[in-house]
Amino acid sequence: MCLNEPDVGARKACISILIECAKICQLASAYMSMDAQYAKDLCKLCTTICEKCAQECEMFKDDHCMKCAEICRKCADECKKMAAM
């Protein structure tokens, strides 16, 4: 949705971290599902990236950005829990 906003250039960093966040979440869920040796380490990194993504999204006050930030914070919280197990 950010790609369709008139200020797409100002959202470059946000769009970039969104892609990173989606990829790390995908990988973390795969690692957790197979109980991989480094799943906890990956979850720690996923927490960091999700938190950064939420911060970037919160810079824009569109509904879709606020929703994205909320979801990223929830994901960060869950990854933090997984990393602590």
N, C-alpha and C. Protein backbone atom coordinates (compact mmCIF):
# COMPACT_ATOMS: atom_id res chain seq x y z
N MET A 1 0.82 -1.19 0.00
CA MET A 1 0.00 0.00 0.00
C MET A 1 0.87 1.26 0.00
N CYS A 2 2.02 1.18 0.67
CA CYS A 2 2.90 2.35 0.71
C CYS A 2 3.41 2.73 -0.68
N LEU A 3 3.54 1.76 -1.55
CA LEU A 3 4.00 2.05 -2.91
C LEU A 3 3.00 2.90 -3.69
N ASN A 4 1.75 2.93 -3.24
CA ASN A 4 0.71 3.72 -3.90
C ASN A 4 0.51 5.10 -3.29
N GLU A 5 1.26 5.41 -2.24
CA GLU A 5 1.14 6.71 -1.58
C GLU A 5 1.89 7.77 -2.40
N PRO A 6 1.40 9.01 -2.37
CA PRO A 6 2.04 10.07 -3.16
C PRO A 6 3.46 10.40 -2.70
N ASP A 7 3.78 10.13 -1.45
CA ASP A 7 5.12 10.41 -0.93
C ASP A 7 5.98 9.15 -0.84
N VAL A 8 5.87 8.30 -1.83
CA VAL A 8 6.55 7.01 -1.81
C VAL A 8 8.06 7.17 -1.60
N GLY A 9 8.65 8.23 -2.09
CA GLY A 9 10.08 8.46 -1.91
C GLY A 9 10.46 8.61 -0.45
N ALA A 10 9.59 9.24 0.33
CA ALA A 10 9.84 9.43 1.76
C ALA A 10 9.68 8.12 2.53
N ARG A 11 9.09 7.15 1.91
CA ARG A 11 8.82 5.86 2.57
C ARG A 11 9.84 4.79 2.20
N LYS A 12 10.89 5.18 1.52
CA LYS A 12 11.87 4.21 1.03
C LYS A 12 12.44 3.34 2.15
N ALA A 13 12.87 3.97 3.24
CA ALA A 13 13.44 3.20 4.36
C ALA A 13 12.39 2.27 4.97
N CYS A 14 11.17 2.76 5.06
CA CYS A 14 10.09 1.96 5.62
C CYS A 14 9.80 0.74 4.73
N ILE A 15 9.70 0.97 3.46
CA ILE A 15 9.42 -0.13 2.53
C ILE A 15 10.55 -1.16 2.57
N SER A 16 11.78 -0.69 2.66
CA SER A 16 12.93 -1.59 2.73
C SER A 16 12.89 -2.47 3.97
N ILE A 17 12.62 -1.87 5.13
CA ILE A 17 12.57 -2.66 6.36
C ILE A 17 11.35 -3.57 6.38
N LEU A 18 10.28 -3.17 5.72
CA LEU A 18 9.11 -4.04 5.61
C LEU A 18 9.47 -5.35 4.91
N ILE A 19 10.26 -5.23 3.86
CA ILE A 19 10.69 -6.42 3.11
C ILE A 19 11.58 -7.29 3.99
N GLU A 20 12.54 -6.66 4.67
CA GLU A 20 13.42 -7.41 5.58
C GLU A 20 12.61 -8.11 6.66
N CYS A 21 11.66 -7.39 7.20
CA CYS A 21 10.83 -7.92 8.28
C CYS A 21 10.03 -9.13 7.80
N ALA A 22 9.42 -9.02 6.66
CA ALA A 22 8.64 -10.14 6.13
C ALA A 22 9.51 -11.37 5.91
N LYS A 23 10.70 -11.16 5.39
CA LYS A 23 11.60 -12.29 5.12
C LYS A 23 12.10 -12.95 6.41
N ILE A 24 12.49 -12.13 7.40
CA ILE A 24 13.00 -12.71 8.65
C ILE A 24 11.88 -13.42 9.40
N CYS A 25 10.67 -12.89 9.34
CA CYS A 25 9.53 -13.56 9.99
C CYS A 25 9.25 -14.91 9.33
N GLN A 26 9.32 -14.93 8.04
CA GLN A 26 9.11 -16.17 7.29
C GLN A 26 10.16 -17.21 7.69
N LEU A 27 11.41 -16.78 7.75
CA LEU A 27 12.49 -17.69 8.10
C LEU A 27 12.39 -18.13 9.57
N ALA A 28 12.09 -17.19 10.45
CA ALA A 28 11.97 -17.53 11.88
C ALA A 28 10.86 -18.55 12.11
N SER A 29 9.74 -18.39 11.43
CA SER A 29 8.65 -19.36 11.62
C SER A 29 9.06 -20.73 11.10
N ALA A 30 9.81 -20.77 10.02
CA ALA A 30 10.28 -22.04 9.49
C ALA A 30 11.26 -22.70 10.47
N TYR A 31 12.17 -21.91 11.04
CA TYR A 31 13.12 -22.43 12.01
C TYR A 31 12.41 -22.96 13.26
N MET A 32 11.43 -22.21 13.73
CA MET A 32 10.70 -22.65 14.92
C MET A 32 9.94 -23.93 14.65
N SER A 33 9.33 -24.04 13.47
CA SER A 33 8.51 -25.22 13.17
C SER A 33 9.35 -26.49 13.07
N MET A 34 10.63 -26.34 12.74
CA MET A 34 11.48 -27.53 12.66
C MET A 34 12.39 -27.66 13.88
N ASP A 35 12.14 -26.81 14.88
CA ASP A 35 12.93 -26.84 16.11
C ASP A 35 14.43 -26.79 15.80
N ALA A 36 14.79 -25.87 14.93
CA ALA A 36 16.17 -25.73 14.48
C ALA A 36 17.10 -25.31 15.62
N GLN A 37 18.33 -25.70 15.51
CA GLN A 37 19.34 -25.43 16.53
C GLN A 37 19.48 -23.94 16.83
N TYR A 38 19.37 -23.09 15.82
CA TYR A 38 19.57 -21.66 16.00
C TYR A 38 18.27 -20.86 15.94
N ALA A 39 17.17 -21.51 16.19
CA ALA A 39 15.87 -20.83 16.15
C ALA A 39 15.80 -19.67 17.15
N LYS A 40 16.31 -19.88 18.36
CA LYS A 40 16.26 -18.82 19.37
C LYS A 40 17.09 -17.61 18.94
N ASP A 41 18.25 -17.87 18.36
CA ASP A 41 19.10 -16.78 17.88
C ASP A 41 18.41 -16.01 16.77
N LEU A 42 17.77 -16.73 15.89
CA LEU A 42 17.05 -16.09 14.79
C LEU A 42 15.87 -15.29 15.33
N CYS A 43 15.21 -15.80 16.36
CA CYS A 43 14.09 -15.08 16.97
C CYS A 43 14.56 -13.77 17.61
N LYS A 44 15.74 -13.75 18.16
CA LYS A 44 16.30 -12.51 18.72
C LYS A 44 16.48 -11.48 17.61
N LEU A 45 17.03 -11.91 16.50
CA LEU A 45 17.21 -11.01 15.36
C LEU A 45 15.85 -10.56 14.81
N CYS A 46 14.92 -11.48 14.75
CA CYS A 46 13.58 -11.16 14.27
C CYS A 46 12.93 -10.10 15.17
N THR A 47 13.14 -10.21 16.47
CA THR A 47 12.62 -9.21 17.41
C THR A 47 13.16 -7.83 17.08
N THR A 48 14.45 -7.74 16.87
CA THR A 48 15.10 -6.46 16.55
C THR A 48 14.55 -5.86 15.26
N ILE A 49 14.42 -6.68 14.24
CA ILE A 49 13.94 -6.19 12.95
C ILE A 49 12.47 -5.79 13.02
N CYS A 50 11.66 -6.58 13.71
CA CYS A 50 10.24 -6.24 13.84
C CYS A 50 10.05 -4.93 14.62
N GLU A 51 10.85 -4.73 15.66
CA GLU A 51 10.76 -3.49 16.42
C GLU A 51 11.15 -2.29 15.56
N LYS A 52 12.20 -2.43 14.76
CA LYS A 52 12.62 -1.36 13.86
C LYS A 52 11.55 -1.09 12.80
N CYS A 53 10.95 -2.13 12.30
CA CYS A 53 9.88 -1.98 11.31
C CYS A 53 8.71 -1.22 11.91
N ALA A 54 8.34 -1.56 13.13
CA ALA A 54 7.24 -0.85 13.79
C ALA A 54 7.55 0.63 13.94
N GLN A 55 8.79 0.95 14.32
CA GLN A 55 9.19 2.35 14.46
C GLN A 55 9.07 3.10 13.13
N GLU A 56 9.53 2.46 12.07
CA GLU A 56 9.46 3.09 10.74
C GLU A 56 8.00 3.30 10.32
N CYS A 57 7.18 2.29 10.53
CA CYS A 57 5.77 2.39 10.14
C CYS A 57 5.05 3.49 10.93
N GLU A 58 5.40 3.65 12.19
CA GLU A 58 4.74 4.64 13.03
C GLU A 58 5.05 6.08 12.60
N MET A 59 6.05 6.25 11.77
CA MET A 59 6.38 7.59 11.28
C MET A 59 5.31 8.11 10.32
N PHE A 60 4.53 7.20 9.76
CA PHE A 60 3.48 7.56 8.82
C PHE A 60 2.13 7.26 9.47
N LYS A 61 1.23 8.18 9.39
CA LYS A 61 -0.02 8.08 10.16
C LYS A 61 -1.18 7.46 9.39
N ASP A 62 -0.89 6.86 8.24
CA ASP A 62 -1.94 6.18 7.49
C ASP A 62 -2.45 4.98 8.29
N ASP A 63 -3.70 4.62 8.07
CA ASP A 63 -4.27 3.48 8.79
C ASP A 63 -3.46 2.21 8.54
N HIS A 64 -3.06 1.98 7.29
CA HIS A 64 -2.34 0.75 6.98
C HIS A 64 -0.96 0.74 7.66
N CYS A 65 -0.35 1.89 7.85
CA CYS A 65 0.94 1.96 8.53
C CYS A 65 0.79 1.72 10.03
N MET A 66 -0.27 2.26 10.60
CA MET A 66 -0.53 2.03 12.03
C MET A 66 -0.83 0.56 12.29
N LYS A 67 -1.59 -0.06 11.40
CA LYS A 67 -1.91 -1.48 11.54
C LYS A 67 -0.65 -2.32 11.40
N CYS A 68 0.20 -1.96 10.47
CA CYS A 68 1.46 -2.68 10.26
C CYS A 68 2.33 -2.57 11.51
N ALA A 69 2.44 -1.37 12.06
CA ALA A 69 3.24 -1.17 13.27
C ALA A 69 2.71 -2.03 14.42
N GLU A 70 1.41 -2.09 14.56
CA GLU A 70 0.79 -2.90 15.61
C GLU A 70 1.14 -4.38 15.43
N ILE A 71 1.05 -4.86 14.22
CA ILE A 71 1.35 -6.27 13.94
C ILE A 71 2.84 -6.55 14.17
N CYS A 72 3.70 -5.62 13.76
CA CYS A 72 5.14 -5.80 13.97
C CYS A 72 5.48 -5.86 15.46
N ARG A 73 4.82 -5.05 16.25
CA ARG A 73 5.06 -5.07 17.71
C ARG A 73 4.60 -6.42 18.31
N LYS A 74 3.46 -6.92 17.84
CA LYS A 74 2.98 -8.22 18.33
C LYS A 74 3.96 -9.33 17.96
N CYS A 75 4.45 -9.27 16.73
CA CYS A 75 5.41 -10.27 16.27
C CYS A 75 6.70 -10.18 17.08
N ALA A 76 7.17 -8.97 17.33
CA ALA A 76 8.38 -8.78 18.13
C ALA A 76 8.19 -9.37 19.52
N ASP A 77 7.03 -9.15 20.11
CA ASP A 77 6.75 -9.70 21.44
C ASP A 77 6.77 -11.23 21.43
N GLU A 78 6.17 -11.82 20.41
CA GLU A 78 6.14 -13.28 20.32
C GLU A 78 7.55 -13.84 20.10
N CYS A 79 8.32 -13.18 19.24
CA CYS A 79 9.69 -13.64 19.00
C CYS A 79 10.54 -13.52 20.25
N LYS A 80 10.31 -12.45 21.01
CA LYS A 80 11.03 -12.27 22.27
C LYS A 80 10.73 -13.43 23.22
N LYS A 81 9.46 -13.82 23.27
CA LYS A 81 9.07 -14.96 24.12
C LYS A 81 9.75 -16.25 23.65
N MET A 82 9.78 -16.45 22.35
CA MET A 82 10.39 -17.66 21.80
C MET A 82 11.89 -17.69 22.10
N ALA A 83 12.54 -16.56 21.98
CA ALA A 83 13.97 -16.48 22.23
C ALA A 83 14.31 -16.75 23.70
N ALA A 84 13.38 -16.45 24.58
CA ALA A 84 13.60 -16.63 26.02
C ALA A 84 13.34 -18.06 26.50
N MET A 85 12.72 -18.86 25.68
CA MET A 85 12.37 -20.24 26.09
C MET A 85 13.61 -21.10 26.22
